[in-house]
Amino acid sequence: MLSSASVLVYHATWVWPKDRCEKSGGAWAGKWMKCATVYPIETWTRRPRGTPPLNGQSADGPTADAPAKAAPAEADEAAPAAAPPTAAAPAASEKK
């Protein structure tokens, strides 16, 4: 009897609301057990479809007009090699 009641509660709180949500075109947010509305990005940004990307960039990446980044210098070109550190001479012990 208890297992039948728990199956009924599970279906009433999870399965049936999820099915209704997905049939209506929504997205089921199981963590919050709510039906979310899916909005296209154009709704949020208020930019019409087909508008080119901002800052002169193509959809694939930056254009030829954009400044290219310089390659980092190699270690031997960046700075001359430093001399290895010298060991400090031990102090001479004094005889008494």
N, C-alpha and C. Protein backbone atom coordinates (compact mmCIF):
# COMPACT_ATOMS: atom_id res chain seq x y z
N MET A 1 0.82 -1.18 0.00
CA MET A 1 0.00 0.00 0.00
C MET A 1 0.87 1.26 0.00
N LEU A 2 1.91 1.26 0.82
CA LEU A 2 2.80 2.41 0.91
C LEU A 2 3.57 2.62 -0.39
N SER A 3 3.98 1.51 -1.01
CA SER A 3 4.73 1.64 -2.27
C SER A 3 3.83 2.18 -3.38
N SER A 4 2.57 1.79 -3.40
CA SER A 4 1.64 2.31 -4.40
C SER A 4 1.41 3.81 -4.20
N ALA A 5 1.30 4.23 -2.97
CA ALA A 5 1.12 5.66 -2.69
C ALA A 5 2.37 6.45 -3.09
N SER A 6 3.56 5.90 -2.83
CA SER A 6 4.78 6.62 -3.20
C SER A 6 4.95 6.71 -4.71
N VAL A 7 4.53 5.69 -5.46
CA VAL A 7 4.58 5.75 -6.92
C VAL A 7 3.61 6.81 -7.42
N LEU A 8 2.44 6.89 -6.84
CA LEU A 8 1.46 7.89 -7.23
C LEU A 8 1.97 9.31 -6.94
N VAL A 9 2.59 9.52 -5.78
CA VAL A 9 3.14 10.82 -5.43
C VAL A 9 4.29 11.19 -6.36
N TYR A 10 5.14 10.23 -6.70
CA TYR A 10 6.26 10.47 -7.62
C TYR A 10 5.74 10.91 -8.99
N HIS A 11 4.76 10.22 -9.49
CA HIS A 11 4.20 10.58 -10.80
C HIS A 11 3.48 11.93 -10.76
N ALA A 12 2.79 12.20 -9.66
CA ALA A 12 2.05 13.46 -9.56
C ALA A 12 2.97 14.66 -9.40
N THR A 13 4.14 14.48 -8.76
CA THR A 13 5.03 15.62 -8.52
C THR A 13 6.18 15.72 -9.53
N TRP A 14 6.47 14.65 -10.27
CA TRP A 14 7.61 14.68 -11.18
C TRP A 14 7.26 14.30 -12.61
N VAL A 15 6.76 13.14 -12.83
CA VAL A 15 6.58 12.58 -14.18
C VAL A 15 5.53 13.35 -14.97
N TRP A 16 4.35 13.54 -14.44
CA TRP A 16 3.28 14.19 -15.18
C TRP A 16 3.57 15.68 -15.43
N PRO A 17 4.08 16.43 -14.44
CA PRO A 17 4.43 17.83 -14.74
C PRO A 17 5.54 17.94 -15.80
N LYS A 18 6.50 17.02 -15.77
CA LYS A 18 7.58 17.03 -16.76
C LYS A 18 7.02 16.76 -18.15
N ASP A 19 6.13 15.80 -18.27
CA ASP A 19 5.52 15.50 -19.57
C ASP A 19 4.72 16.68 -20.10
N ARG A 20 3.94 17.32 -19.23
CA ARG A 20 3.17 18.49 -19.65
C ARG A 20 4.09 19.62 -20.12
N CYS A 21 5.17 19.82 -19.41
CA CYS A 21 6.11 20.88 -19.74
C CYS A 21 6.76 20.62 -21.10
N GLU A 22 7.23 19.40 -21.32
CA GLU A 22 7.91 19.08 -22.57
C GLU A 22 6.94 19.09 -23.76
N LYS A 23 5.68 18.71 -23.53
CA LYS A 23 4.69 18.75 -24.61
C LYS A 23 4.34 20.18 -25.00
N SER A 24 4.43 21.11 -24.05
CA SER A 24 4.11 22.51 -24.35
C SER A 24 5.30 23.25 -24.94
N GLY A 25 6.46 22.59 -25.07
CA GLY A 25 7.64 23.21 -25.67
C GLY A 25 8.58 23.84 -24.67
N GLY A 26 8.35 23.64 -23.42
CA GLY A 26 9.22 24.21 -22.39
C GLY A 26 10.38 23.30 -22.07
N ALA A 27 11.23 23.76 -21.17
CA ALA A 27 12.37 22.97 -20.71
C ALA A 27 12.16 22.66 -19.23
N TRP A 28 12.19 21.40 -18.88
CA TRP A 28 11.95 20.99 -17.51
C TRP A 28 13.20 21.23 -16.68
N ALA A 29 13.07 22.04 -15.64
CA ALA A 29 14.15 22.31 -14.71
C ALA A 29 13.92 21.43 -13.49
N GLY A 30 14.50 20.25 -13.52
CA GLY A 30 14.27 19.26 -12.48
C GLY A 30 14.75 19.68 -11.11
N LYS A 31 15.82 20.49 -11.06
CA LYS A 31 16.33 20.92 -9.76
C LYS A 31 15.29 21.73 -9.01
N TRP A 32 14.52 22.56 -9.73
CA TRP A 32 13.51 23.40 -9.11
C TRP A 32 12.10 22.88 -9.36
N MET A 33 11.99 21.81 -10.15
CA MET A 33 10.70 21.19 -10.50
C MET A 33 9.76 22.22 -11.11
N LYS A 34 10.30 22.98 -12.08
CA LYS A 34 9.51 24.00 -12.76
C LYS A 34 9.71 23.88 -14.25
N CYS A 35 8.75 24.40 -14.99
CA CYS A 35 8.82 24.43 -16.44
C CYS A 35 9.38 25.78 -16.86
N ALA A 36 10.52 25.76 -17.53
CA ALA A 36 11.17 27.00 -17.96
C ALA A 36 10.82 27.31 -19.40
N THR A 37 10.76 28.59 -19.72
CA THR A 37 10.52 29.02 -21.08
C THR A 37 11.86 29.27 -21.75
N VAL A 38 12.02 28.71 -22.95
CA VAL A 38 13.26 28.87 -23.70
C VAL A 38 13.15 30.12 -24.55
N TYR A 39 14.09 31.05 -24.38
CA TYR A 39 14.12 32.28 -25.16
C TYR A 39 15.32 32.25 -26.10
N PRO A 40 15.15 32.68 -27.35
CA PRO A 40 16.31 32.80 -28.23
C PRO A 40 17.19 33.96 -27.78
N ILE A 41 18.46 33.92 -28.12
CA ILE A 41 19.40 34.95 -27.68
C ILE A 41 19.02 36.32 -28.21
N GLU A 42 18.36 36.37 -29.36
CA GLU A 42 17.95 37.65 -29.92
C GLU A 42 16.95 38.37 -29.02
N THR A 43 16.18 37.62 -28.25
CA THR A 43 15.23 38.23 -27.33
C THR A 43 15.96 38.96 -26.22
N TRP A 44 17.03 38.38 -25.72
CA TRP A 44 17.78 38.98 -24.62
C TRP A 44 18.61 40.16 -25.08
N THR A 45 19.26 40.04 -26.25
CA THR A 45 20.15 41.10 -26.71
C THR A 45 19.42 42.17 -27.52
N ARG A 46 18.21 41.88 -27.96
CA ARG A 46 17.41 42.78 -28.80
C ARG A 46 18.10 43.11 -30.12
N ARG A 47 18.93 42.18 -30.60
CA ARG A 47 19.57 42.34 -31.90
C ARG A 47 18.81 41.48 -32.90
N PRO A 48 18.51 42.02 -34.09
CA PRO A 48 17.80 41.23 -35.08
C PRO A 48 18.67 40.10 -35.62
N ARG A 49 18.02 39.04 -36.08
CA ARG A 49 18.77 37.92 -36.66
C ARG A 49 19.51 38.38 -37.89
N GLY A 50 20.67 37.80 -38.14
CA GLY A 50 21.46 38.14 -39.31
C GLY A 50 22.34 39.36 -39.12
N THR A 51 22.34 39.97 -37.94
CA THR A 51 23.19 41.12 -37.70
C THR A 51 24.64 40.62 -37.60
N PRO A 52 25.59 41.29 -38.29
CA PRO A 52 26.98 40.83 -38.20
C PRO A 52 27.53 41.00 -36.79
N PRO A 53 28.54 40.23 -36.45
CA PRO A 53 29.14 40.35 -35.12
C PRO A 53 29.73 41.73 -34.88
N LEU A 54 29.91 42.09 -33.63
CA LEU A 54 30.44 43.39 -33.26
C LEU A 54 31.96 43.45 -33.45
N ASN A 55 32.51 44.64 -33.41
CA ASN A 55 33.95 44.89 -33.44
C ASN A 55 34.63 44.44 -34.72
N GLY A 56 33.89 44.35 -35.82
CA GLY A 56 34.50 44.00 -37.10
C GLY A 56 34.97 42.57 -37.20
N GLN A 57 34.50 41.70 -36.33
CA GLN A 57 34.92 40.31 -36.38
C GLN A 57 33.93 39.50 -37.19
N SER A 58 34.46 38.52 -37.91
CA SER A 58 33.58 37.62 -38.64
C SER A 58 33.11 36.54 -37.68
N ALA A 59 32.21 35.71 -38.16
CA ALA A 59 31.72 34.63 -37.31
C ALA A 59 32.82 33.62 -37.02
N ASP A 60 33.83 33.54 -37.90
CA ASP A 60 34.92 32.57 -37.73
C ASP A 60 36.02 33.09 -36.82
N GLY A 61 36.22 34.41 -36.78
CA GLY A 61 37.29 34.95 -35.96
C GLY A 61 37.60 36.38 -36.36
N PRO A 62 38.73 36.94 -35.91
CA PRO A 62 39.07 38.32 -36.23
C PRO A 62 39.36 38.50 -37.72
N THR A 63 39.16 39.71 -38.21
CA THR A 63 39.42 40.00 -39.62
C THR A 63 40.89 40.32 -39.82
N ALA A 64 41.28 40.52 -41.09
CA ALA A 64 42.67 40.82 -41.41
C ALA A 64 43.06 42.19 -40.90
N ASP A 65 42.11 43.11 -40.71
CA ASP A 65 42.41 44.44 -40.22
C ASP A 65 42.79 44.46 -38.75
N ALA A 66 42.41 43.43 -38.03
CA ALA A 66 42.69 43.38 -36.60
C ALA A 66 44.19 43.18 -36.39
N PRO A 67 44.79 43.85 -35.40
CA PRO A 67 46.23 43.67 -35.17
C PRO A 67 46.53 42.26 -34.71
N ALA A 68 47.61 41.72 -35.25
CA ALA A 68 48.01 40.36 -34.87
C ALA A 68 48.85 40.43 -33.61
N LYS A 69 48.76 39.42 -32.80
CA LYS A 69 49.55 39.36 -31.58
C LYS A 69 50.96 38.88 -31.94
N ALA A 70 51.96 39.51 -31.36
CA ALA A 70 53.34 39.11 -31.61
C ALA A 70 53.63 37.82 -30.87
N ALA A 71 54.44 36.99 -31.51
CA ALA A 71 54.82 35.72 -30.89
C ALA A 71 55.77 36.01 -29.75
N PRO A 72 55.69 35.28 -28.66
CA PRO A 72 56.60 35.52 -27.54
C PRO A 72 58.03 35.19 -27.94
N ALA A 73 58.99 35.96 -27.44
CA ALA A 73 60.40 35.73 -27.73
C ALA A 73 60.86 34.46 -27.05
N GLU A 74 61.81 33.81 -27.70
CA GLU A 74 62.34 32.59 -27.09
C GLU A 74 63.24 32.95 -25.92
N ALA A 75 63.52 32.00 -25.08
CA ALA A 75 64.27 32.27 -23.85
C ALA A 75 65.68 32.77 -24.15
N ASP A 76 66.36 32.24 -25.19
CA ASP A 76 67.73 32.67 -25.45
C ASP A 76 67.77 34.06 -26.08
N GLU A 77 66.70 34.53 -26.71
CA GLU A 77 66.66 35.85 -27.29
C GLU A 77 66.20 36.91 -26.28
N ALA A 78 65.45 36.51 -25.30
CA ALA A 78 64.84 37.46 -24.37
C ALA A 78 65.87 38.13 -23.48
N ALA A 79 66.78 37.39 -22.94
CA ALA A 79 67.77 37.95 -22.03
C ALA A 79 69.04 37.12 -22.12
N PRO A 80 70.19 37.75 -21.94
CA PRO A 80 71.43 36.96 -21.96
C PRO A 80 71.45 36.01 -20.76
N ALA A 81 72.18 34.94 -20.95
CA ALA A 81 72.26 33.95 -19.88
C ALA A 81 72.99 34.54 -18.68
N ALA A 82 72.47 34.34 -17.52
CA ALA A 82 73.08 34.86 -16.31
C ALA A 82 74.20 33.94 -15.87
N ALA A 83 75.22 34.51 -15.27
CA ALA A 83 76.33 33.71 -14.77
C ALA A 83 75.86 32.91 -13.57
N PRO A 84 76.36 31.70 -13.43
CA PRO A 84 75.94 30.90 -12.27
C PRO A 84 76.39 31.56 -10.98
N PRO A 85 75.60 31.43 -9.93
CA PRO A 85 75.98 32.06 -8.66
C PRO A 85 77.24 31.43 -8.10
N THR A 86 78.09 32.26 -7.51
CA THR A 86 79.33 31.75 -6.92
C THR A 86 79.09 31.44 -5.46
N ALA A 87 79.79 30.44 -5.01
CA ALA A 87 79.66 30.06 -3.60
C ALA A 87 80.50 30.99 -2.76
N ALA A 88 80.01 31.35 -1.61
CA ALA A 88 80.74 32.23 -0.71
C ALA A 88 81.92 31.46 -0.13
N ALA A 89 83.05 32.13 -0.04
CA ALA A 89 84.24 31.49 0.52
C ALA A 89 84.02 31.25 2.00
N PRO A 90 84.42 30.06 2.46
CA PRO A 90 84.24 29.80 3.89
C PRO A 90 85.18 30.68 4.71
N ALA A 91 84.70 31.06 5.85
CA ALA A 91 85.51 31.91 6.74
C ALA A 91 86.69 31.11 7.27
N ALA A 92 87.84 31.77 7.29
CA ALA A 92 89.04 31.09 7.79
C ALA A 92 88.93 30.96 9.31
N SER A 93 89.23 29.82 9.78
CA SER A 93 89.16 29.63 11.24
C SER A 93 90.43 30.17 11.87
N GLU A 94 90.28 30.83 12.96
CA GLU A 94 91.41 31.41 13.65
C GLU A 94 91.99 30.42 14.66
N LYS A 95 93.30 30.42 14.71
CA LYS A 95 93.96 29.54 15.69
C LYS A 95 94.16 30.32 16.97
N LYS A 96 94.04 29.64 18.08
CA LYS A 96 94.22 30.28 19.36
C LYS A 96 95.53 29.92 19.94
